[in-house]
Structures are given as C-alpha cells and as structure tokens.
Amino acid sequence: MALLKEKVAGEAKKVLQEMSGPVSLTYYTQEMECEPCASMSLFIDELTALEGQLKVKKKDFLADGEEARRTGVHHIPALLLHRPEDNRAAVRYYGMPGGYEFGAFLRTIVLFSTGRFDQPIDRESLDLIEKDINLKIFVLAGCPSCPVMAYLGTGLAFLCPRVTTEIIEANTFIDLSTRFTVGAVPKIIVNDSTEIVGVLPPGELVKRLIAP
C-alpha cells in the first residue's frame, strides 16, 4: 500500500520539477529491530520514483556502522542531504518528514538542487558564525508551525558550512525527546545546550547563533 496518496504524490512531483540539478542523499536503515525503518524505506522509494534527479544511497546501519559514526549518525532511520559544494551531510532527517513537514522537506530538496533560499537572511551575517553549530530541531507531523523552523534550519545548514541541522521527529525518538525535555514543538537545541522554543524570525535566529 502506497504511503503517498495519488494527489499528494502529484503535488510533490510538481514541486520537485523545480529542481535544476541532482541532489545526493544517504539513507541509513536496518531490517531488524527498527520499527519505523520499513515505512521510511517505502517513503524513500516512492519519493525517488517521482524525480530522477534524486540520488539515494542506502546504507545498513550495522554493516556500515563505522561510516555512520564517522558521519555523525547515531540513530535510524536517518536521511542525509549533502551540500553539492563539499558533499558535507549538512542536513539529517531522523524519522519520516510527514504531515506538515513534508512540504518543508520538499522545499529543502529544491534548495539543495537550485541553491535558492527564499527566506530573508543577511548572507554576510552568516560569516560572523565563528564556531561549528549543531541544530537539533524537534518537530511533529501534526504541528503547523514546525515546518517554518525546520526549513529555516535546513536553509542555514545549506548556506553556512559551520551549521549542521538535524530534523528530529519527536514521537519517533522518545529517548531524544526525553533527554532534551521536549514538551512543546518546534524546539531547537543548539550544540546540545541552549534551547529555543517556538517560531523565531530568520534574523533573530541568526543573531542567537552568532552571540557568544
């Protein structure tokens, strides 16, 4: 049974037609002891069938465990998007980007293909980020405001080589949600310490990342 309904698949295909070049993705999964992996694998198969410019490499989290750890992947299912400039895995999705998140996910794919980011960000201000920053953005499929911060986070990771963004489906990864006391979404954890809850304007988020 297809995960993407015919209407949704048709709308997704229209969005992906905006792509101007291939996008490389790496998918970490395993067949045993990973309940959400089966649905995620089906989702990826259906997605790549919509657009030939999506290039996905599937990896076994156990067999390719050393490579996963080197890349910074510690949970599955995990889908990584690579910056074309340096092949860095700038964006990682942990769990399926479904519901409201699906649209932001498609826009991120188009961003990685075209390089066009449609949010008001002063690109020069990103040069003021002098340390490596990891953004963990906790979201839920039924949260209408989560895609705003998810897309902003993926955009920052694409534009700034010092930023890595992880979009985490809070209900799929209860252990992480508990560790970071996620009681409301969207919630951003900066470098595993600073918390940002709710929706911020793009400029305000960048200011918080620049601040010491």
N, C-alpha and C. Protein backbone atom coordinates (compact mmCIF):
# COMPACT_ATOMS: atom_id res chain seq x y z
N MET A 1 0.84 -1.20 0.00
CA MET A 1 0.00 0.00 0.00
C MET A 1 0.88 1.25 0.00
N ALA A 2 0.59 2.17 -0.90
CA ALA A 2 1.40 3.37 -1.04
C ALA A 2 1.23 4.31 0.15
N LEU A 3 2.33 4.92 0.58
CA LEU A 3 2.27 5.92 1.64
C LEU A 3 1.80 7.26 1.10
N LEU A 4 2.29 7.61 -0.08
CA LEU A 4 1.92 8.88 -0.70
C LEU A 4 0.66 8.69 -1.54
N LYS A 5 -0.42 9.32 -1.12
CA LYS A 5 -1.65 9.23 -1.88
C LYS A 5 -1.45 9.88 -3.25
N GLU A 6 -2.28 9.51 -4.20
CA GLU A 6 -2.10 9.97 -5.58
C GLU A 6 -2.05 11.49 -5.68
N LYS A 7 -2.94 12.17 -4.96
CA LYS A 7 -2.96 13.64 -5.02
C LYS A 7 -1.69 14.23 -4.43
N VAL A 8 -1.27 13.68 -3.28
CA VAL A 8 -0.06 14.18 -2.62
C VAL A 8 1.16 13.93 -3.49
N ALA A 9 1.24 12.74 -4.08
CA ALA A 9 2.36 12.42 -4.97
C ALA A 9 2.40 13.37 -6.16
N GLY A 10 1.23 13.69 -6.71
CA GLY A 10 1.17 14.61 -7.84
C GLY A 10 1.64 16.00 -7.47
N GLU A 11 1.24 16.47 -6.30
CA GLU A 11 1.67 17.79 -5.84
C GLU A 11 3.17 17.80 -5.55
N ALA A 12 3.66 16.71 -4.97
CA ALA A 12 5.10 16.62 -4.69
C ALA A 12 5.91 16.63 -5.98
N LYS A 13 5.41 15.94 -6.97
CA LYS A 13 6.12 15.88 -8.25
C LYS A 13 6.23 17.27 -8.88
N LYS A 14 5.18 18.08 -8.73
CA LYS A 14 5.22 19.44 -9.27
C LYS A 14 6.29 20.27 -8.57
N VAL A 15 6.40 20.11 -7.25
CA VAL A 15 7.41 20.85 -6.51
C VAL A 15 8.81 20.41 -6.94
N LEU A 16 9.01 19.12 -7.07
CA LEU A 16 10.33 18.60 -7.42
C LEU A 16 10.73 18.94 -8.85
N GLN A 17 9.77 19.30 -9.69
CA GLN A 17 10.09 19.73 -11.05
C GLN A 17 10.86 21.05 -11.07
N GLU A 18 10.89 21.74 -9.94
CA GLU A 18 11.67 22.97 -9.84
C GLU A 18 13.17 22.69 -9.72
N MET A 19 13.54 21.44 -9.50
CA MET A 19 14.95 21.08 -9.36
C MET A 19 15.71 21.39 -10.65
N SER A 20 16.93 21.89 -10.48
CA SER A 20 17.75 22.21 -11.65
C SER A 20 18.99 21.33 -11.74
N GLY A 21 19.16 20.44 -10.76
CA GLY A 21 20.31 19.54 -10.76
C GLY A 21 20.08 18.45 -9.73
N PRO A 22 20.91 17.42 -9.75
CA PRO A 22 20.72 16.28 -8.86
C PRO A 22 20.98 16.63 -7.40
N VAL A 23 20.34 15.90 -6.51
CA VAL A 23 20.54 16.03 -5.07
C VAL A 23 20.94 14.66 -4.53
N SER A 24 22.04 14.64 -3.78
CA SER A 24 22.55 13.38 -3.22
C SER A 24 22.04 13.19 -1.79
N LEU A 25 21.50 12.01 -1.53
CA LEU A 25 21.02 11.66 -0.21
C LEU A 25 21.61 10.32 0.21
N THR A 26 21.82 10.17 1.50
CA THR A 26 22.26 8.89 2.05
C THR A 26 21.23 8.47 3.10
N TYR A 27 20.81 7.23 3.01
CA TYR A 27 19.78 6.72 3.90
C TYR A 27 20.34 5.57 4.73
N TYR A 28 20.32 5.73 6.06
CA TYR A 28 20.77 4.68 6.97
C TYR A 28 19.55 3.97 7.55
N THR A 29 19.56 2.64 7.44
CA THR A 29 18.44 1.84 7.90
C THR A 29 18.96 0.48 8.34
N GLN A 30 18.07 -0.37 8.83
CA GLN A 30 18.40 -1.77 9.06
C GLN A 30 17.09 -2.55 9.08
N GLU A 31 17.19 -3.83 8.74
CA GLU A 31 15.98 -4.64 8.61
C GLU A 31 15.43 -5.10 9.95
N MET A 32 16.29 -5.33 10.92
CA MET A 32 15.87 -5.87 12.21
C MET A 32 15.87 -4.78 13.28
N GLU A 33 14.92 -4.89 14.20
CA GLU A 33 14.87 -4.05 15.39
C GLU A 33 14.84 -2.56 15.06
N CYS A 34 14.09 -2.21 14.04
CA CYS A 34 13.89 -0.79 13.70
C CYS A 34 12.48 -0.66 13.12
N GLU A 35 11.53 -0.47 13.99
CA GLU A 35 10.12 -0.44 13.57
C GLU A 35 9.82 0.64 12.53
N PRO A 36 10.32 1.89 12.70
CA PRO A 36 9.98 2.92 11.71
C PRO A 36 10.75 2.81 10.40
N CYS A 37 11.75 1.93 10.33
CA CYS A 37 12.59 1.86 9.13
C CYS A 37 11.82 1.36 7.91
N ALA A 38 10.89 0.43 8.10
CA ALA A 38 10.15 -0.13 6.97
C ALA A 38 9.33 0.95 6.28
N SER A 39 8.62 1.76 7.07
CA SER A 39 7.81 2.83 6.48
C SER A 39 8.69 3.88 5.83
N MET A 40 9.81 4.19 6.46
CA MET A 40 10.72 5.19 5.91
C MET A 40 11.31 4.71 4.59
N SER A 41 11.64 3.43 4.50
CA SER A 41 12.19 2.88 3.26
C SER A 41 11.17 2.97 2.13
N LEU A 42 9.92 2.67 2.44
CA LEU A 42 8.86 2.77 1.43
C LEU A 42 8.68 4.22 1.00
N PHE A 43 8.73 5.11 1.96
CA PHE A 43 8.60 6.54 1.67
C PHE A 43 9.69 7.00 0.71
N ILE A 44 10.92 6.58 0.94
CA ILE A 44 12.04 6.99 0.10
C ILE A 44 11.91 6.39 -1.30
N ASP A 45 11.48 5.14 -1.38
CA ASP A 45 11.28 4.52 -2.70
C ASP A 45 10.22 5.27 -3.51
N GLU A 46 9.14 5.65 -2.86
CA GLU A 46 8.08 6.37 -3.56
C GLU A 46 8.54 7.78 -3.94
N LEU A 47 9.33 8.40 -3.08
CA LEU A 47 9.82 9.75 -3.36
C LEU A 47 10.76 9.76 -4.55
N THR A 48 11.72 8.85 -4.57
CA THR A 48 12.69 8.83 -5.66
C THR A 48 12.05 8.43 -6.99
N ALA A 49 10.93 7.74 -6.93
CA ALA A 49 10.22 7.39 -8.16
C ALA A 49 9.58 8.61 -8.81
N LEU A 50 9.42 9.68 -8.04
CA LEU A 50 8.79 10.90 -8.56
C LEU A 50 9.77 11.77 -9.34
N GLU A 51 11.07 11.65 -9.05
CA GLU A 51 12.05 12.56 -9.66
C GLU A 51 13.39 11.85 -9.80
N GLY A 52 13.84 11.75 -11.05
CA GLY A 52 15.07 11.03 -11.35
C GLY A 52 16.33 11.72 -10.87
N GLN A 53 16.23 13.00 -10.50
CA GLN A 53 17.42 13.72 -10.05
C GLN A 53 17.73 13.49 -8.57
N LEU A 54 16.86 12.74 -7.89
CA LEU A 54 17.15 12.37 -6.51
C LEU A 54 18.00 11.11 -6.50
N LYS A 55 19.21 11.22 -5.98
CA LYS A 55 20.16 10.11 -5.97
C LYS A 55 20.36 9.63 -4.53
N VAL A 56 19.84 8.47 -4.21
CA VAL A 56 19.87 7.97 -2.83
C VAL A 56 20.77 6.75 -2.72
N LYS A 57 21.68 6.78 -1.75
CA LYS A 57 22.49 5.61 -1.41
C LYS A 57 21.97 5.04 -0.11
N LYS A 58 21.57 3.77 -0.14
CA LYS A 58 21.07 3.12 1.06
C LYS A 58 22.22 2.42 1.78
N LYS A 59 22.31 2.64 3.09
CA LYS A 59 23.36 2.06 3.91
C LYS A 59 22.73 1.25 5.04
N ASP A 60 23.37 0.15 5.38
CA ASP A 60 22.95 -0.65 6.52
C ASP A 60 23.64 -0.12 7.77
N PHE A 61 22.83 0.25 8.76
CA PHE A 61 23.37 0.90 9.95
C PHE A 61 24.34 0.00 10.72
N LEU A 62 24.16 -1.32 10.59
CA LEU A 62 25.06 -2.25 11.27
C LEU A 62 26.30 -2.52 10.43
N ALA A 63 26.10 -2.90 9.18
CA ALA A 63 27.23 -3.22 8.31
C ALA A 63 28.10 -2.00 8.02
N ASP A 64 27.45 -0.83 7.93
CA ASP A 64 28.18 0.42 7.64
C ASP A 64 28.26 1.29 8.89
N GLY A 65 28.32 0.64 10.05
CA GLY A 65 28.29 1.37 11.32
C GLY A 65 29.44 2.33 11.51
N GLU A 66 30.65 1.92 11.10
CA GLU A 66 31.80 2.80 11.26
C GLU A 66 31.64 4.07 10.43
N GLU A 67 31.15 3.91 9.20
CA GLU A 67 30.92 5.08 8.34
C GLU A 67 29.84 5.97 8.94
N ALA A 68 28.79 5.36 9.49
CA ALA A 68 27.70 6.13 10.10
C ALA A 68 28.23 6.98 11.25
N ARG A 69 29.03 6.37 12.12
CA ARG A 69 29.58 7.11 13.25
C ARG A 69 30.50 8.23 12.80
N ARG A 70 31.27 7.96 11.75
CA ARG A 70 32.16 8.99 11.21
C ARG A 70 31.35 10.18 10.69
N THR A 71 30.19 9.89 10.15
CA THR A 71 29.33 10.93 9.60
C THR A 71 28.52 11.63 10.68
N GLY A 72 28.49 11.04 11.88
CA GLY A 72 27.73 11.63 12.97
C GLY A 72 26.32 11.10 13.09
N VAL A 73 26.05 9.95 12.48
CA VAL A 73 24.71 9.35 12.54
C VAL A 73 24.68 8.32 13.66
N HIS A 74 23.80 8.54 14.63
CA HIS A 74 23.72 7.64 15.78
C HIS A 74 22.32 7.05 15.97
N HIS A 75 21.39 7.42 15.10
CA HIS A 75 20.01 6.94 15.21
C HIS A 75 19.48 6.63 13.82
N ILE A 76 18.52 5.72 13.76
CA ILE A 76 17.88 5.38 12.49
C ILE A 76 16.37 5.29 12.69
N PRO A 77 15.63 5.52 11.60
CA PRO A 77 16.07 5.82 10.24
C PRO A 77 16.62 7.24 10.12
N ALA A 78 17.65 7.39 9.31
CA ALA A 78 18.28 8.68 9.11
C ALA A 78 18.47 8.94 7.62
N LEU A 79 18.07 10.12 7.18
CA LEU A 79 18.22 10.52 5.78
C LEU A 79 19.06 11.78 5.72
N LEU A 80 20.18 11.72 5.02
CA LEU A 80 21.14 12.82 4.96
C LEU A 80 21.11 13.48 3.60
N LEU A 81 21.11 14.81 3.61
CA LEU A 81 21.23 15.59 2.37
C LEU A 81 22.61 16.22 2.34
N HIS A 82 23.27 16.13 1.18
CA HIS A 82 24.66 16.57 1.06
C HIS A 82 24.75 17.86 0.26
N ARG A 83 25.53 18.80 0.79
CA ARG A 83 25.80 20.03 0.05
C ARG A 83 26.61 19.70 -1.19
N PRO A 84 26.19 20.20 -2.36
CA PRO A 84 26.94 19.87 -3.58
C PRO A 84 28.35 20.44 -3.60
N GLU A 85 28.56 21.55 -2.85
CA GLU A 85 29.89 22.18 -2.88
C GLU A 85 30.96 21.30 -2.25
N ASP A 86 30.62 20.65 -1.14
CA ASP A 86 31.65 19.93 -0.40
C ASP A 86 31.22 18.52 0.01
N ASN A 87 30.03 18.11 -0.44
CA ASN A 87 29.48 16.79 -0.13
C ASN A 87 29.29 16.58 1.36
N ARG A 88 29.26 17.68 2.12
CA ARG A 88 29.03 17.57 3.57
C ARG A 88 27.57 17.22 3.83
N ALA A 89 27.35 16.31 4.78
CA ALA A 89 25.97 15.95 5.16
C ALA A 89 25.42 17.04 6.06
N ALA A 90 25.00 18.13 5.44
CA ALA A 90 24.60 19.33 6.17
C ALA A 90 23.27 19.17 6.89
N VAL A 91 22.40 18.36 6.34
CA VAL A 91 21.05 18.19 6.89
C VAL A 91 20.78 16.71 7.12
N ARG A 92 20.25 16.39 8.29
CA ARG A 92 19.90 14.99 8.59
C ARG A 92 18.45 14.96 9.09
N TYR A 93 17.66 14.10 8.49
CA TYR A 93 16.30 13.87 8.96
C TYR A 93 16.27 12.56 9.73
N TYR A 94 15.83 12.64 10.98
CA TYR A 94 15.66 11.45 11.80
C TYR A 94 14.16 11.19 11.94
N GLY A 95 13.70 10.15 11.27
CA GLY A 95 12.27 9.88 11.23
C GLY A 95 11.66 10.46 9.96
N MET A 96 10.47 10.03 9.65
CA MET A 96 9.84 10.42 8.39
C MET A 96 9.33 11.86 8.43
N PRO A 97 9.67 12.67 7.42
CA PRO A 97 9.15 14.03 7.34
C PRO A 97 7.73 14.03 6.75
N GLY A 98 6.77 13.62 7.55
CA GLY A 98 5.40 13.50 7.08
C GLY A 98 4.54 14.65 7.56
N GLY A 99 3.26 14.61 7.20
CA GLY A 99 2.32 15.65 7.61
C GLY A 99 2.75 17.02 7.11
N TYR A 100 2.67 17.99 8.01
CA TYR A 100 3.07 19.35 7.64
C TYR A 100 4.54 19.43 7.25
N GLU A 101 5.35 18.53 7.77
CA GLU A 101 6.79 18.58 7.49
C GLU A 101 7.13 18.22 6.05
N PHE A 102 6.23 17.53 5.37
CA PHE A 102 6.55 17.04 4.02
C PHE A 102 6.83 18.19 3.06
N GLY A 103 6.03 19.25 3.16
CA GLY A 103 6.23 20.40 2.28
C GLY A 103 7.58 21.06 2.49
N ALA A 104 7.98 21.24 3.76
CA ALA A 104 9.28 21.84 4.06
C ALA A 104 10.41 20.94 3.59
N PHE A 105 10.21 19.65 3.70
CA PHE A 105 11.21 18.68 3.23
C PHE A 105 11.41 18.82 1.71
N LEU A 106 10.32 18.91 0.97
CA LEU A 106 10.42 19.07 -0.49
C LEU A 106 11.11 20.39 -0.84
N ARG A 107 10.79 21.45 -0.12
CA ARG A 107 11.43 22.74 -0.37
C ARG A 107 12.93 22.67 -0.09
N THR A 108 13.31 21.88 0.91
CA THR A 108 14.73 21.71 1.21
C THR A 108 15.44 20.97 0.08
N ILE A 109 14.80 19.97 -0.48
CA ILE A 109 15.39 19.26 -1.62
C ILE A 109 15.61 20.23 -2.78
N VAL A 110 14.60 21.05 -3.06
CA VAL A 110 14.72 22.03 -4.15
C VAL A 110 15.84 23.02 -3.84
N LEU A 111 15.95 23.44 -2.59
CA LEU A 111 17.04 24.34 -2.18
C LEU A 111 18.39 23.71 -2.47
N PHE A 112 18.57 22.44 -2.11
CA PHE A 112 19.85 21.77 -2.33
C PHE A 112 20.13 21.59 -3.82
N SER A 113 19.10 21.61 -4.62
CA SER A 113 19.27 21.47 -6.07
C SER A 113 19.57 22.81 -6.75
N THR A 114 18.84 23.85 -6.33
CA THR A 114 18.92 25.14 -7.04
C THR A 114 19.82 26.16 -6.33
N GLY A 115 19.99 26.01 -5.01
CA GLY A 115 20.74 26.99 -4.25
C GLY A 115 19.93 28.22 -3.90
N ARG A 116 18.65 28.22 -4.22
CA ARG A 116 17.79 29.38 -3.95
C ARG A 116 17.07 29.21 -2.62
N PHE A 117 17.32 30.14 -1.69
CA PHE A 117 16.67 30.13 -0.38
C PHE A 117 15.81 31.38 -0.27
N ASP A 118 14.52 31.18 -0.05
CA ASP A 118 13.59 32.30 -0.16
C ASP A 118 13.24 32.96 1.17
N GLN A 119 14.12 32.82 2.17
CA GLN A 119 13.88 33.46 3.46
C GLN A 119 14.80 34.68 3.61
N PRO A 120 14.31 35.73 4.32
CA PRO A 120 15.09 36.98 4.44
C PRO A 120 16.26 36.84 5.41
N ILE A 121 17.38 36.41 4.89
CA ILE A 121 18.58 36.26 5.71
C ILE A 121 19.71 37.09 5.09
N ASP A 122 20.39 37.84 5.95
CA ASP A 122 21.57 38.60 5.52
C ASP A 122 22.71 37.60 5.39
N ARG A 123 23.05 37.26 4.16
CA ARG A 123 24.08 36.23 3.94
C ARG A 123 25.41 36.61 4.60
N GLU A 124 25.73 37.90 4.62
CA GLU A 124 27.01 38.32 5.21
C GLU A 124 27.04 38.05 6.71
N SER A 125 25.87 38.08 7.35
CA SER A 125 25.85 37.84 8.79
C SER A 125 26.24 36.41 9.12
N LEU A 126 26.05 35.50 8.18
CA LEU A 126 26.43 34.10 8.42
C LEU A 126 27.94 33.95 8.54
N ASP A 127 28.69 34.88 7.95
CA ASP A 127 30.16 34.83 8.06
C ASP A 127 30.62 35.13 9.49
N LEU A 128 29.72 35.68 10.30
CA LEU A 128 30.06 36.01 11.69
C LEU A 128 29.95 34.80 12.62
N ILE A 129 29.41 33.70 12.09
CA ILE A 129 29.35 32.46 12.87
C ILE A 129 30.75 31.83 12.84
N GLU A 130 31.44 31.89 13.97
CA GLU A 130 32.85 31.51 14.01
C GLU A 130 33.10 30.14 14.62
N LYS A 131 32.05 29.44 15.02
CA LYS A 131 32.23 28.10 15.59
C LYS A 131 31.25 27.15 14.93
N ASP A 132 31.56 25.87 15.00
CA ASP A 132 30.65 24.87 14.45
C ASP A 132 29.38 24.80 15.30
N ILE A 133 28.25 24.75 14.62
CA ILE A 133 26.96 24.76 15.31
C ILE A 133 26.12 23.58 14.83
N ASN A 134 25.59 22.85 15.80
CA ASN A 134 24.65 21.77 15.52
C ASN A 134 23.27 22.19 16.01
N LEU A 135 22.30 22.14 15.12
CA LEU A 135 20.92 22.46 15.47
C LEU A 135 20.10 21.17 15.47
N LYS A 136 19.55 20.83 16.61
CA LYS A 136 18.59 19.73 16.68
C LYS A 136 17.20 20.36 16.75
N ILE A 137 16.40 20.16 15.71
CA ILE A 137 15.07 20.77 15.66
C ILE A 137 14.03 19.67 15.82
N PHE A 138 13.35 19.69 16.96
CA PHE A 138 12.32 18.69 17.23
C PHE A 138 10.99 19.14 16.65
N VAL A 139 10.35 18.24 15.91
CA VAL A 139 9.11 18.57 15.22
C VAL A 139 8.12 17.42 15.39
N LEU A 140 6.87 17.71 15.04
CA LEU A 140 5.83 16.69 14.96
C LEU A 140 5.10 16.86 13.63
N ALA A 141 4.66 15.77 13.06
CA ALA A 141 4.00 15.82 11.76
C ALA A 141 2.73 16.67 11.79
N GLY A 142 2.05 16.71 12.95
CA GLY A 142 0.81 17.45 13.06
C GLY A 142 0.97 18.88 13.54
N CYS A 143 2.21 19.38 13.59
CA CYS A 143 2.48 20.73 14.07
C CYS A 143 2.58 21.70 12.88
N PRO A 144 1.62 22.63 12.74
CA PRO A 144 1.64 23.51 11.57
C PRO A 144 2.75 24.56 11.57
N SER A 145 3.31 24.87 12.75
CA SER A 145 4.37 25.88 12.81
C SER A 145 5.77 25.28 12.71
N CYS A 146 5.88 23.97 12.90
CA CYS A 146 7.20 23.32 12.86
C CYS A 146 7.92 23.47 11.52
N PRO A 147 7.22 23.37 10.37
CA PRO A 147 7.93 23.49 9.10
C PRO A 147 8.65 24.81 8.92
N VAL A 148 8.16 25.87 9.57
CA VAL A 148 8.81 27.18 9.45
C VAL A 148 10.23 27.11 9.97
N MET A 149 10.40 26.55 11.17
CA MET A 149 11.73 26.47 11.76
C MET A 149 12.56 25.37 11.13
N ALA A 150 11.90 24.29 10.70
CA ALA A 150 12.65 23.22 10.05
C ALA A 150 13.29 23.72 8.75
N TYR A 151 12.51 24.44 7.94
CA TYR A 151 13.05 24.94 6.67
C TYR A 151 14.11 26.01 6.91
N LEU A 152 13.91 26.84 7.93
CA LEU A 152 14.93 27.84 8.26
C LEU A 152 16.22 27.15 8.68
N GLY A 153 16.10 26.10 9.49
CA GLY A 153 17.28 25.37 9.94
C GLY A 153 18.02 24.68 8.81
N THR A 154 17.28 24.07 7.89
CA THR A 154 17.94 23.41 6.76
C THR A 154 18.57 24.43 5.83
N GLY A 155 17.92 25.59 5.72
CA GLY A 155 18.49 26.64 4.88
C GLY A 155 19.80 27.16 5.44
N LEU A 156 19.87 27.34 6.75
CA LEU A 156 21.11 27.80 7.38
C LEU A 156 22.23 26.78 7.18
N ALA A 157 21.87 25.50 7.28
CA ALA A 157 22.88 24.45 7.08
C ALA A 157 23.39 24.43 5.64
N PHE A 158 22.51 24.72 4.71
CA PHE A 158 22.92 24.77 3.30
C PHE A 158 23.82 25.98 3.04
N LEU A 159 23.47 27.12 3.63
CA LEU A 159 24.18 28.36 3.32
C LEU A 159 25.49 28.51 4.09
N CYS A 160 25.54 27.95 5.30
CA CYS A 160 26.71 28.17 6.16
C CYS A 160 27.42 26.85 6.43
N PRO A 161 28.67 26.72 6.03
CA PRO A 161 29.40 25.46 6.22
C PRO A 161 29.67 25.11 7.67
N ARG A 162 29.41 26.03 8.60
CA ARG A 162 29.62 25.75 10.02
C ARG A 162 28.37 25.17 10.70
N VAL A 163 27.26 25.17 9.99
CA VAL A 163 26.00 24.74 10.60
C VAL A 163 25.58 23.36 10.08
N THR A 164 25.22 22.49 10.99
CA THR A 164 24.62 21.20 10.66
C THR A 164 23.26 21.14 11.34
N THR A 165 22.24 20.74 10.59
CA THR A 165 20.88 20.72 11.12
C THR A 165 20.32 19.32 11.12
N GLU A 166 19.74 18.93 12.25
CA GLU A 166 19.06 17.65 12.38
C GLU A 166 17.57 17.90 12.65
N ILE A 167 16.73 17.38 11.78
CA ILE A 167 15.28 17.46 11.98
C ILE A 167 14.85 16.14 12.62
N ILE A 168 14.33 16.23 13.84
CA ILE A 168 14.03 15.02 14.62
C ILE A 168 12.53 14.92 14.87
N GLU A 169 11.93 13.82 14.43
CA GLU A 169 10.51 13.58 14.69
C GLU A 169 10.39 13.14 16.15
N ALA A 170 9.78 14.02 16.95
CA ALA A 170 9.83 13.86 18.40
C ALA A 170 9.18 12.57 18.89
N ASN A 171 8.09 12.15 18.26
CA ASN A 171 7.40 10.95 18.71
C ASN A 171 8.13 9.67 18.31
N THR A 172 8.94 9.75 17.27
CA THR A 172 9.71 8.58 16.83
C THR A 172 10.90 8.34 17.74
N PHE A 173 11.51 9.43 18.20
CA PHE A 173 12.72 9.32 19.02
C PHE A 173 12.42 9.84 20.43
N ILE A 174 11.66 9.04 21.16
CA ILE A 174 11.26 9.41 22.51
C ILE A 174 12.48 9.59 23.42
N ASP A 175 13.52 8.79 23.18
CA ASP A 175 14.71 8.90 24.03
C ASP A 175 15.35 10.28 23.90
N LEU A 176 15.43 10.79 22.67
CA LEU A 176 15.99 12.12 22.47
C LEU A 176 15.06 13.21 23.00
N SER A 177 13.76 13.03 22.80
CA SER A 177 12.79 14.00 23.31
C SER A 177 12.86 14.08 24.83
N THR A 178 13.05 12.93 25.47
CA THR A 178 13.17 12.91 26.93
C THR A 178 14.47 13.55 27.38
N ARG A 179 15.54 13.21 26.68
CA ARG A 179 16.85 13.76 27.05
C ARG A 179 16.86 15.28 27.00
N PHE A 180 16.20 15.85 25.98
CA PHE A 180 16.20 17.30 25.81
C PHE A 180 14.90 17.94 26.28
N THR A 181 14.15 17.21 27.11
CA THR A 181 12.91 17.70 27.73
C THR A 181 12.02 18.44 26.73
N VAL A 182 11.68 17.77 25.67
CA VAL A 182 10.83 18.36 24.64
C VAL A 182 9.37 18.26 25.09
N GLY A 183 8.81 19.39 25.51
CA GLY A 183 7.42 19.42 25.92
C GLY A 183 6.55 20.14 24.92
N ALA A 184 7.18 20.94 24.06
CA ALA A 184 6.47 21.68 23.02
C ALA A 184 7.36 21.76 21.79
N VAL A 185 6.75 21.82 20.64
CA VAL A 185 7.48 21.92 19.38
C VAL A 185 6.95 23.11 18.57
N PRO A 186 7.78 23.68 17.70
CA PRO A 186 9.17 23.30 17.44
C PRO A 186 10.08 23.70 18.59
N LYS A 187 11.08 22.87 18.82
CA LYS A 187 12.10 23.17 19.82
C LYS A 187 13.46 22.92 19.21
N ILE A 188 14.34 23.92 19.34
CA ILE A 188 15.70 23.82 18.80
C ILE A 188 16.69 23.70 19.95
N ILE A 189 17.59 22.75 19.84
CA ILE A 189 18.69 22.61 20.79
C ILE A 189 19.97 22.97 20.04
N VAL A 190 20.66 24.00 20.52
CA VAL A 190 21.89 24.47 19.88
C VAL A 190 23.08 23.86 20.61
N ASN A 191 23.86 23.08 19.87
CA ASN A 191 25.06 22.44 20.42
C ASN A 191 24.76 21.70 21.73
N ASP A 192 23.62 21.02 21.74
CA ASP A 192 23.22 20.16 22.87
C ASP A 192 23.06 20.92 24.19
N SER A 193 22.91 22.25 24.13
CA SER A 193 22.82 23.01 25.39
C SER A 193 21.73 24.08 25.35
N THR A 194 21.88 25.09 24.54
CA THR A 194 20.93 26.20 24.50
C THR A 194 19.61 25.77 23.88
N GLU A 195 18.50 26.22 24.47
CA GLU A 195 17.17 25.86 23.99
C GLU A 195 16.48 27.07 23.36
N ILE A 196 15.79 26.82 22.27
CA ILE A 196 14.95 27.83 21.62
C ILE A 196 13.61 27.17 21.32
N VAL A 197 12.54 27.70 21.89
CA VAL A 197 11.22 27.11 21.71
C VAL A 197 10.33 28.06 20.92
N GLY A 198 9.61 27.52 19.97
CA GLY A 198 8.69 28.33 19.19
C GLY A 198 9.30 28.84 17.89
N VAL A 199 8.59 29.76 17.26
CA VAL A 199 9.00 30.29 15.96
C VAL A 199 9.71 31.62 16.13
N LEU A 200 10.86 31.75 15.50
CA LEU A 200 11.63 32.99 15.51
C LEU A 200 11.77 33.52 14.08
N PRO A 201 11.84 34.83 13.90
CA PRO A 201 12.19 35.38 12.57
C PRO A 201 13.60 34.94 12.20
N PRO A 202 13.88 34.79 10.91
CA PRO A 202 15.21 34.33 10.49
C PRO A 202 16.36 35.15 11.07
N GLY A 203 16.23 36.47 11.06
CA GLY A 203 17.31 37.31 11.56
C GLY A 203 17.57 37.11 13.03
N GLU A 204 16.51 36.88 13.81
CA GLU A 204 16.66 36.67 15.25
C GLU A 204 17.38 35.36 15.54
N LEU A 205 17.04 34.32 14.79
CA LEU A 205 17.73 33.04 14.99
C LEU A 205 19.20 33.17 14.68
N VAL A 206 19.55 33.86 13.59
CA VAL A 206 20.95 34.04 13.23
C VAL A 206 21.68 34.82 14.33
N LYS A 207 21.05 35.85 14.89
CA LYS A 207 21.66 36.62 15.97
C LYS A 207 21.99 35.72 17.15
N ARG A 208 21.08 34.80 17.48
CA ARG A 208 21.31 33.92 18.62
C ARG A 208 22.45 32.94 18.35
N LEU A 209 22.64 32.60 17.09
CA LEU A 209 23.73 31.68 16.75
C LEU A 209 25.07 32.42 16.76
N ILE A 210 25.04 33.69 16.46
CA ILE A 210 26.28 34.50 16.46
C ILE A 210 26.71 34.85 17.87
N ALA A 211 25.73 35.06 18.76
CA ALA A 211 26.03 35.51 20.12
C ALA A 211 26.93 34.50 20.82
N PRO A 212 27.90 34.96 21.61
CA PRO A 212 28.82 34.06 22.30
C PRO A 212 28.10 33.27 23.39
